């Protein structure tokens, strides 16, 4: 029974890695230009984080951090004279 649970856990981690990779690719600035696209990205990142919360797979945890970072505002350097 424990072996089956471990297999399911590994399969879920693999699915999360694939899903996280897709969301990360969609988080690129030229893809999420509109307010609606940013809102959809935020929903996807939050859903991923909820699913990844109990994972112990380092790849899933890293993707979770990377995806959360995509939601932070992008700062631009402005020079004044």
PDB file of N, CA and C in Angstrom:
ATOM      1  N   UNK A   1       0.822  -1.194   0.000  1.00  0.00           N
ATOM      2  CA  UNK A   1       0.000   0.000   0.000  1.00  0.00           C
ATOM      3  C   UNK A   1       0.870   1.263   0.000  1.00  0.00           C
ATOM      4  N   UNK A   2       1.891   1.305   0.827  1.00  0.00           N
ATOM      5  CA  UNK A   2       2.768   2.474   0.888  1.00  0.00           C
ATOM      6  C   UNK A   2       3.514   2.673  -0.429  1.00  0.00           C
ATOM      7  N   UNK A   3       3.853   1.569  -1.073  1.00  0.00           N
ATOM      8  CA  UNK A   3       4.543   1.655  -2.365  1.00  0.00           C
ATOM      9  C   UNK A   3       3.642   2.301  -3.411  1.00  0.00           C
ATOM     10  N   UNK A   4       2.357   1.964  -3.388  1.00  0.00           N
ATOM     11  CA  UNK A   4       1.406   2.556  -4.327  1.00  0.00           C
ATOM     12  C   UNK A   4       1.235   4.053  -4.059  1.00  0.00           C
ATOM     13  N   UNK A   5       1.200   4.420  -2.788  1.00  0.00           N
ATOM     14  CA  UNK A   5       1.076   5.833  -2.432  1.00  0.00           C
ATOM     15  C   UNK A   5       2.310   6.594  -2.902  1.00  0.00           C
ATOM     16  N   UNK A   6       3.480   6.006  -2.755  1.00  0.00           N
ATOM     17  CA  UNK A   6       4.716   6.646  -3.207  1.00  0.00           C
ATOM     18  C   UNK A   6       4.699   6.833  -4.727  1.00  0.00           C
ATOM     19  N   UNK A   7       4.191   5.838  -5.460  1.00  0.00           N
ATOM     20  CA  UNK A   7       4.111   5.957  -6.919  1.00  0.00           C
ATOM     21  C   UNK A   7       3.160   7.079  -7.323  1.00  0.00           C
ATOM     22  N   UNK A   8       2.025   7.167  -6.643  1.00  0.00           N
ATOM     23  CA  UNK A   8       1.062   8.229  -6.939  1.00  0.00           C
ATOM     24  C   UNK A   8       1.679   9.587  -6.629  1.00  0.00           C
ATOM     25  N   UNK A   9       2.389   9.682  -5.521  1.00  0.00           N
ATOM     26  CA  UNK A   9       3.043  10.929  -5.134  1.00  0.00           C
ATOM     27  C   UNK A   9       4.060  11.358  -6.195  1.00  0.00           C
ATOM     28  N   UNK A  10       4.849  10.412  -6.675  1.00  0.00           N
ATOM     29  CA  UNK A  10       5.839  10.720  -7.714  1.00  0.00           C
ATOM     30  C   UNK A  10       5.157  11.153  -9.006  1.00  0.00           C
ATOM     31  N   UNK A  11       4.058  10.490  -9.353  1.00  0.00           N
ATOM     32  CA  UNK A  11       3.327  10.845 -10.573  1.00  0.00           C
ATOM     33  C   UNK A  11       2.752  12.260 -10.451  1.00  0.00           C
ATOM     34  N   UNK A  12       2.220  12.599  -9.297  1.00  0.00           N
ATOM     35  CA  UNK A  12       1.699  13.944  -9.080  1.00  0.00           C
ATOM     36  C   UNK A  12       2.803  14.988  -9.179  1.00  0.00           C
ATOM     37  N   UNK A  13       3.970  14.675  -8.629  1.00  0.00           N
ATOM     38  CA  UNK A  13       5.105  15.601  -8.728  1.00  0.00           C
ATOM     39  C   UNK A  13       5.503  15.821 -10.184  1.00  0.00           C
ATOM     40  N   UNK A  14       5.504  14.764 -10.974  1.00  0.00           N
ATOM     41  CA  UNK A  14       5.848  14.897 -12.391  1.00  0.00           C
ATOM     42  C   UNK A  14       4.824  15.763 -13.114  1.00  0.00           C
ATOM     43  N   UNK A  15       3.545  15.569 -12.794  1.00  0.00           N
ATOM     44  CA  UNK A  15       2.500  16.403 -13.389  1.00  0.00           C
ATOM     45  C   UNK A  15       2.669  17.862 -12.988  1.00  0.00           C
ATOM     46  N   UNK A  16       3.004  18.101 -11.724  1.00  0.00           N
ATOM     47  CA  UNK A  16       3.208  19.468 -11.257  1.00  0.00           C
ATOM     48  C   UNK A  16       4.405  20.118 -11.934  1.00  0.00           C
ATOM     49  N   UNK A  17       5.456  19.357 -12.154  1.00  0.00           N
ATOM     50  CA  UNK A  17       6.629  19.908 -12.848  1.00  0.00           C
ATOM     51  C   UNK A  17       6.241  20.310 -14.274  1.00  0.00           C
ATOM     52  N   UNK A  18       5.491  19.463 -14.952  1.00  0.00           N
ATOM     53  CA  UNK A  18       5.051  19.798 -16.310  1.00  0.00           C
ATOM     54  C   UNK A  18       4.130  21.003 -16.334  1.00  0.00           C
ATOM     55  N   UNK A  19       3.169  21.021 -15.431  1.00  0.00           N
ATOM     56  CA  UNK A  19       2.227  22.137 -15.352  1.00  0.00           C
ATOM     57  C   UNK A  19       2.935  23.431 -14.987  1.00  0.00           C
ATOM     58  N   UNK A  20       3.830  23.364 -14.013  1.00  0.00           N
ATOM     59  CA  UNK A  20       4.583  24.553 -13.603  1.00  0.00           C
ATOM     60  C   UNK A  20       5.431  25.099 -14.738  1.00  0.00           C
ATOM     61  N   UNK A  21       6.018  24.215 -15.510  1.00  0.00           N
ATOM     62  CA  UNK A  21       6.809  24.646 -16.666  1.00  0.00           C
ATOM     63  C   UNK A  21       5.963  25.372 -17.698  1.00  0.00           C
ATOM     64  N   UNK A  22       4.744  24.871 -17.927  1.00  0.00           N
ATOM     65  CA  UNK A  22       3.846  25.531 -18.878  1.00  0.00           C
ATOM     66  C   UNK A  22       3.450  26.921 -18.381  1.00  0.00           C
ATOM     67  N   UNK A  23       3.089  27.014 -17.114  1.00  0.00           N
ATOM     68  CA  UNK A  23       2.684  28.305 -16.558  1.00  0.00           C
ATOM     69  C   UNK A  23       3.866  29.275 -16.578  1.00  0.00           C
ATOM     70  N   UNK A  24       5.060  28.772 -16.295  1.00  0.00           N
ATOM     71  CA  UNK A  24       6.243  29.628 -16.312  1.00  0.00           C
ATOM     72  C   UNK A  24       6.504  30.184 -17.712  1.00  0.00           C
ATOM     73  N   UNK A  25       6.326  29.356 -18.734  1.00  0.00           N
ATOM     74  CA  UNK A  25       6.491  29.843 -20.110  1.00  0.00           C
ATOM     75  C   UNK A  25       5.431  30.895 -20.446  1.00  0.00           C
ATOM     76  N   UNK A  26       4.234  30.714 -19.944  1.00  0.00           N
ATOM     77  CA  UNK A  26       3.164  31.676 -20.213  1.00  0.00           C
ATOM     78  C   UNK A  26       3.322  32.971 -19.422  1.00  0.00           C
ATOM     79  N   UNK A  27       4.211  32.971 -18.441  1.00  0.00           N
ATOM     80  CA  UNK A  27       4.386  34.160 -17.609  1.00  0.00           C
ATOM     81  C   UNK A  27       5.307  35.200 -18.244  1.00  0.00           C
ATOM     82  N   UNK A  28       5.855  34.899 -19.399  1.00  0.00           N
ATOM     83  CA  UNK A  28       6.771  35.818 -20.060  1.00  0.00           C
ATOM     84  C   UNK A  28       6.055  37.140 -20.337  1.00  0.00           C
ATOM     85  N   UNK A  29       6.735  38.271 -20.143  1.00  0.00           N
ATOM     86  CA  UNK A  29       6.086  39.587 -20.287  1.00  0.00           C
ATOM     87  C   UNK A  29       5.384  39.834 -21.621  1.00  0.00           C
ATOM     88  N   UNK A  30       5.920  39.298 -22.706  1.00  0.00           N
ATOM     89  CA  UNK A  30       5.248  39.562 -23.992  1.00  0.00           C
ATOM     90  C   UNK A  30       4.005  38.699 -24.175  1.00  0.00           C
ATOM     91  N   UNK A  31       3.794  37.715 -23.307  1.00  0.00           N
ATOM     92  CA  UNK A  31       2.579  36.899 -23.356  1.00  0.00           C
ATOM     93  C   UNK A  31       1.497  37.500 -22.462  1.00  0.00           C
ATOM     94  N   UNK A  32       1.909  38.035 -21.324  1.00  0.00           N
ATOM     95  CA  UNK A  32       0.942  38.566 -20.345  1.00  0.00           C
ATOM     96  C   UNK A  32       0.943  40.092 -20.377  1.00  0.00           C
ATOM     97  N   UNK A  33       0.564  40.643 -21.503  1.00  0.00           N
ATOM     98  CA  UNK A  33       0.564  42.105 -21.669  1.00  0.00           C
ATOM     99  C   UNK A  33      -0.691  42.758 -21.101  1.00  0.00           C
ATOM    100  N   UNK A  34      -1.814  42.089 -21.214  1.00  0.00           N
ATOM    101  CA  UNK A  34      -3.080  42.708 -20.820  1.00  0.00           C
ATOM    102  C   UNK A  34      -3.394  42.433 -19.356  1.00  0.00           C
ATOM    103  N   UNK A  35      -4.311  43.225 -18.830  1.00  0.00           N
ATOM    104  CA  UNK A  35      -4.759  43.030 -17.449  1.00  0.00           C
ATOM    105  C   UNK A  35      -5.397  41.647 -17.278  1.00  0.00           C
ATOM    106  N   UNK A  36      -6.171  41.220 -18.270  1.00  0.00           N
ATOM    107  CA  UNK A  36      -6.837  39.911 -18.205  1.00  0.00           C
ATOM    108  C   UNK A  36      -5.819  38.780 -18.187  1.00  0.00           C
ATOM    109  N   UNK A  37      -4.761  38.919 -18.985  1.00  0.00           N
ATOM    110  CA  UNK A  37      -3.716  37.889 -19.018  1.00  0.00           C
ATOM    111  C   UNK A  37      -2.967  37.830 -17.688  1.00  0.00           C
ATOM    112  N   UNK A  38      -2.700  38.994 -17.089  1.00  0.00           N
ATOM    113  CA  UNK A  38      -2.029  39.016 -15.779  1.00  0.00           C
ATOM    114  C   UNK A  38      -2.919  38.406 -14.706  1.00  0.00           C
ATOM    115  N   UNK A  39      -4.220  38.673 -14.773  1.00  0.00           N
ATOM    116  CA  UNK A  39      -5.153  38.095 -13.798  1.00  0.00           C
ATOM    117  C   UNK A  39      -5.222  36.577 -13.959  1.00  0.00           C
ATOM    118  N   UNK A  40      -5.239  36.108 -15.198  1.00  0.00           N
ATOM    119  CA  UNK A  40      -5.250  34.663 -15.447  1.00  0.00           C
ATOM    120  C   UNK A  40      -3.958  34.025 -14.948  1.00  0.00           C
ATOM    121  N   UNK A  41      -2.841  34.704 -15.158  1.00  0.00           N
ATOM    122  CA  UNK A  41      -1.563  34.195 -14.660  1.00  0.00           C
ATOM    123  C   UNK A  41      -1.588  34.105 -13.136  1.00  0.00           C
ATOM    124  N   UNK A  42      -2.098  35.121 -12.483  1.00  0.00           N
ATOM    125  CA  UNK A  42      -2.169  35.115 -11.014  1.00  0.00           C
ATOM    126  C   UNK A  42      -3.024  33.951 -10.525  1.00  0.00           C
ATOM    127  N   UNK A  43      -4.145  33.688 -11.195  1.00  0.00           N
ATOM    128  CA  UNK A  43      -4.989  32.550 -10.805  1.00  0.00           C
ATOM    129  C   UNK A  43      -4.241  31.241 -10.992  1.00  0.00           C
ATOM    130  N   UNK A  44      -3.537  31.108 -12.112  1.00  0.00           N
ATOM    131  CA  UNK A  44      -2.790  29.875 -12.377  1.00  0.00           C
ATOM    132  C   UNK A  44      -1.675  29.668 -11.362  1.00  0.00           C
ATOM    133  N   UNK A  45      -0.963  30.730 -11.031  1.00  0.00           N
ATOM    134  CA  UNK A  45       0.121  30.635 -10.051  1.00  0.00           C
ATOM    135  C   UNK A  45      -0.447  30.262  -8.684  1.00  0.00           C
ATOM    136  N   UNK A  46      -1.555  30.871  -8.302  1.00  0.00           N
ATOM    137  CA  UNK A  46      -2.159  30.548  -7.009  1.00  0.00           C
ATOM    138  C   UNK A  46      -2.657  29.112  -6.956  1.00  0.00           C
ATOM    139  N   UNK A  47      -3.240  28.633  -8.038  1.00  0.00           N
ATOM    140  CA  UNK A  47      -3.694  27.239  -8.092  1.00  0.00           C
ATOM    141  C   UNK A  47      -2.500  26.290  -8.033  1.00  0.00           C
ATOM    142  N   UNK A  48      -1.431  26.626  -8.756  1.00  0.00           N
ATOM    143  CA  UNK A  48      -0.233  25.791  -8.712  1.00  0.00           C
ATOM    144  C   UNK A  48       0.323  25.752  -7.292  1.00  0.00           C
ATOM    145  N   UNK A  49       0.389  26.897  -6.643  1.00  0.00           N
ATOM    146  CA  UNK A  49       0.928  26.972  -5.284  1.00  0.00           C
ATOM    147  C   UNK A  49       0.114  26.129  -4.316  1.00  0.00           C
ATOM    148  N   UNK A  50      -1.191  26.143  -4.496  1.00  0.00           N
ATOM    149  CA  UNK A  50      -2.055  25.326  -3.643  1.00  0.00           C
ATOM    150  C   UNK A  50      -1.742  23.845  -3.831  1.00  0.00           C
ATOM    151  N   UNK A  51      -1.581  23.431  -5.068  1.00  0.00           N
ATOM    152  CA  UNK A  51      -1.269  22.021  -5.346  1.00  0.00           C
ATOM    153  C   UNK A  51       0.143  21.648  -4.900  1.00  0.00           C
ATOM    154  N   UNK A  52       1.072  22.587  -5.013  1.00  0.00           N
ATOM    155  CA  UNK A  52       2.477  22.308  -4.696  1.00  0.00           C
ATOM    156  C   UNK A  52       2.783  22.416  -3.207  1.00  0.00           C
ATOM    157  N   UNK A  53       1.850  22.910  -2.433  1.00  0.00           N
ATOM    158  CA  UNK A  53       2.115  23.194  -1.019  1.00  0.00           C
ATOM    159  C   UNK A  53       2.584  21.970  -0.236  1.00  0.00           C
ATOM    160  N   UNK A  54       2.110  20.806  -0.587  1.00  0.00           N
ATOM    161  CA  UNK A  54       2.467  19.597   0.178  1.00  0.00           C
ATOM    162  C   UNK A  54       3.560  18.765  -0.479  1.00  0.00           C
ATOM    163  N   UNK A  55       4.045  19.225  -1.594  1.00  0.00           N
ATOM    164  CA  UNK A  55       5.095  18.478  -2.287  1.00  0.00           C
ATOM    165  C   UNK A  55       6.429  18.646  -1.579  1.00  0.00           C
ATOM    166  N   UNK A  56       7.224  17.602  -1.638  1.00  0.00           N
ATOM    167  CA  UNK A  56       8.590  17.674  -1.107  1.00  0.00           C
ATOM    168  C   UNK A  56       9.619  17.592  -2.226  1.00  0.00           C
ATOM    169  N   UNK A  57       9.134  17.558  -3.461  1.00  0.00           N
ATOM    170  CA  UNK A  57      10.021  17.494  -4.615  1.00  0.00           C
ATOM    171  C   UNK A  57      10.678  18.864  -4.801  1.00  0.00           C
ATOM    172  N   UNK A  58      12.019  18.916  -4.790  1.00  0.00           N
ATOM    173  CA  UNK A  58      12.696  20.208  -4.918  1.00  0.00           C
ATOM    174  C   UNK A  58      12.381  20.936  -6.226  1.00  0.00           C
ATOM    175  N   UNK A  59      12.095  20.197  -7.290  1.00  0.00           N
ATOM    176  CA  UNK A  59      11.751  20.847  -8.565  1.00  0.00           C
ATOM    177  C   UNK A  59      10.424  21.582  -8.454  1.00  0.00           C
ATOM    178  N   UNK A  60       9.463  20.962  -7.786  1.00  0.00           N
ATOM    179  CA  UNK A  60       8.146  21.586  -7.607  1.00  0.00           C
ATOM    180  C   UNK A  60       8.276  22.821  -6.722  1.00  0.00           C
ATOM    181  N   UNK A  61       9.049  22.700  -5.661  1.00  0.00           N
ATOM    182  CA  UNK A  61       9.223  23.826  -4.749  1.00  0.00           C
ATOM    183  C   UNK A  61       9.928  24.989  -5.437  1.00  0.00           C
ATOM    184  N   UNK A  62      10.915  24.701  -6.287  1.00  0.00           N
ATOM    185  CA  UNK A  62      11.614  25.759  -7.027  1.00  0.00           C
ATOM    186  C   UNK A  62      10.674  26.425  -8.029  1.00  0.00           C
ATOM    187  N   UNK A  63       9.886  25.620  -8.722  1.00  0.00           N
ATOM    188  CA  UNK A  63       8.919  26.191  -9.659  1.00  0.00           C
ATOM    189  C   UNK A  63       7.915  27.080  -8.933  1.00  0.00           C
ATOM    190  N   UNK A  64       7.506  26.663  -7.751  1.00  0.00           N
ATOM    191  CA  UNK A  64       6.574  27.466  -6.964  1.00  0.00           C
ATOM    192  C   UNK A  64       7.180  28.836  -6.658  1.00  0.00           C
ATOM    193  N   UNK A  65       8.431  28.853  -6.238  1.00  0.00           N
ATOM    194  CA  UNK A  65       9.116  30.128  -5.967  1.00  0.00           C
ATOM    195  C   UNK A  65       9.244  30.965  -7.235  1.00  0.00           C
ATOM    196  N   UNK A  66       9.647  30.323  -8.328  1.00  0.00           N
ATOM    197  CA  UNK A  66       9.822  31.038  -9.593  1.00  0.00           C
ATOM    198  C   UNK A  66       8.504  31.639 -10.074  1.00  0.00           C
ATOM    199  N   UNK A  67       7.430  30.878  -9.947  1.00  0.00           N
ATOM    200  CA  UNK A  67       6.132  31.371 -10.394  1.00  0.00           C
ATOM    201  C   UNK A  67       5.641  32.515  -9.520  1.00  0.00           C
ATOM    202  N   UNK A  68       5.835  32.410  -8.228  1.00  0.00           N
ATOM    203  CA  UNK A  68       5.428  33.500  -7.346  1.00  0.00           C
ATOM    204  C   UNK A  68       6.202  34.778  -7.679  1.00  0.00           C
ATOM    205  N   UNK A  69       7.457  34.619  -8.074  1.00  0.00           N
ATOM    206  CA  UNK A  69       8.276  35.788  -8.433  1.00  0.00           C
ATOM    207  C   UNK A  69       7.731  36.481  -9.685  1.00  0.00           C
ATOM    208  N   UNK A  70       7.055  35.734 -10.558  1.00  0.00           N
ATOM    209  CA  UNK A  70       6.519  36.347 -11.771  1.00  0.00           C
ATOM    210  C   UNK A  70       5.369  37.296 -11.461  1.00  0.00           C
ATOM    211  N   UNK A  71       4.761  37.167 -10.305  1.00  0.00           N
ATOM    212  CA  UNK A  71       3.641  38.033  -9.942  1.00  0.00           C
ATOM    213  C   UNK A  71       4.089  39.354  -9.345  1.00  0.00           C
ATOM    214  N   UNK A  72       5.345  39.435  -8.955  1.00  0.00           N
ATOM    215  CA  UNK A  72       5.850  40.679  -8.375  1.00  0.00           C
ATOM    216  C   UNK A  72       5.975  41.717  -9.481  1.00  0.00           C
ATOM    217  N   UNK A  73       5.668  42.967  -9.166  1.00  0.00           N
ATOM    218  CA  UNK A  73       5.755  44.004 -10.207  1.00  0.00           C
ATOM    219  C   UNK A  73       7.177  44.132 -10.748  1.00  0.00           C
ATOM    220  N   UNK A  74       7.241  44.334 -12.039  1.00  0.00           N
ATOM    221  CA  UNK A  74       8.544  44.532 -12.671  1.00  0.00           C
ATOM    222  C   UNK A  74       8.928  45.999 -12.520  1.00  0.00           C
ATOM    223  N   UNK A  75      10.078  46.208 -11.959  1.00  0.00           N
ATOM    224  CA  UNK A  75      10.546  47.581 -11.753  1.00  0.00           C
ATOM    225  C   UNK A  75      11.450  47.987 -12.911  1.00  0.00           C
ATOM    226  N   UNK A  76      11.302  49.221 -13.328  1.00  0.00           N
ATOM    227  CA  UNK A  76      12.166  49.755 -14.389  1.00  0.00           C
ATOM    228  C   UNK A  76      13.007  50.873 -13.814  1.00  0.00           C
ATOM    229  N   UNK A  77      14.228  50.911 -14.244  1.00  0.00           N
ATOM    230  CA  UNK A  77      15.148  51.957 -13.832  1.00  0.00           C
ATOM    231  C   UNK A  77      14.876  53.210 -14.674  1.00  0.00           C
ATOM    232  N   UNK A  78      14.627  54.299 -14.001  1.00  0.00           N
ATOM    233  CA  UNK A  78      14.351  55.558 -14.702  1.00  0.00           C
ATOM    234  C   UNK A  78      15.417  56.553 -14.280  1.00  0.00           C
ATOM    235  N   UNK A  79      16.098  57.100 -15.245  1.00  0.00           N
ATOM    236  CA  UNK A  79      17.145  58.082 -14.964  1.00  0.00           C
ATOM    237  C   UNK A  79      16.553  59.479 -15.141  1.00  0.00           C
ATOM    238  N   UNK A  80      16.873  60.337 -14.202  1.00  0.00           N
ATOM    239  CA  UNK A  80      16.414  61.726 -14.329  1.00  0.00           C
ATOM    240  C   UNK A  80      17.622  62.644 -14.428  1.00  0.00           C
ATOM    241  N   UNK A  81      17.408  63.770 -15.031  1.00  0.00           N
ATOM    242  CA  UNK A  81      18.530  64.721 -15.205  1.00  0.00           C
ATOM    243  C   UNK A  81      18.296  65.937 -14.394  1.00  0.00           C
TER     244      UNK A  81
END
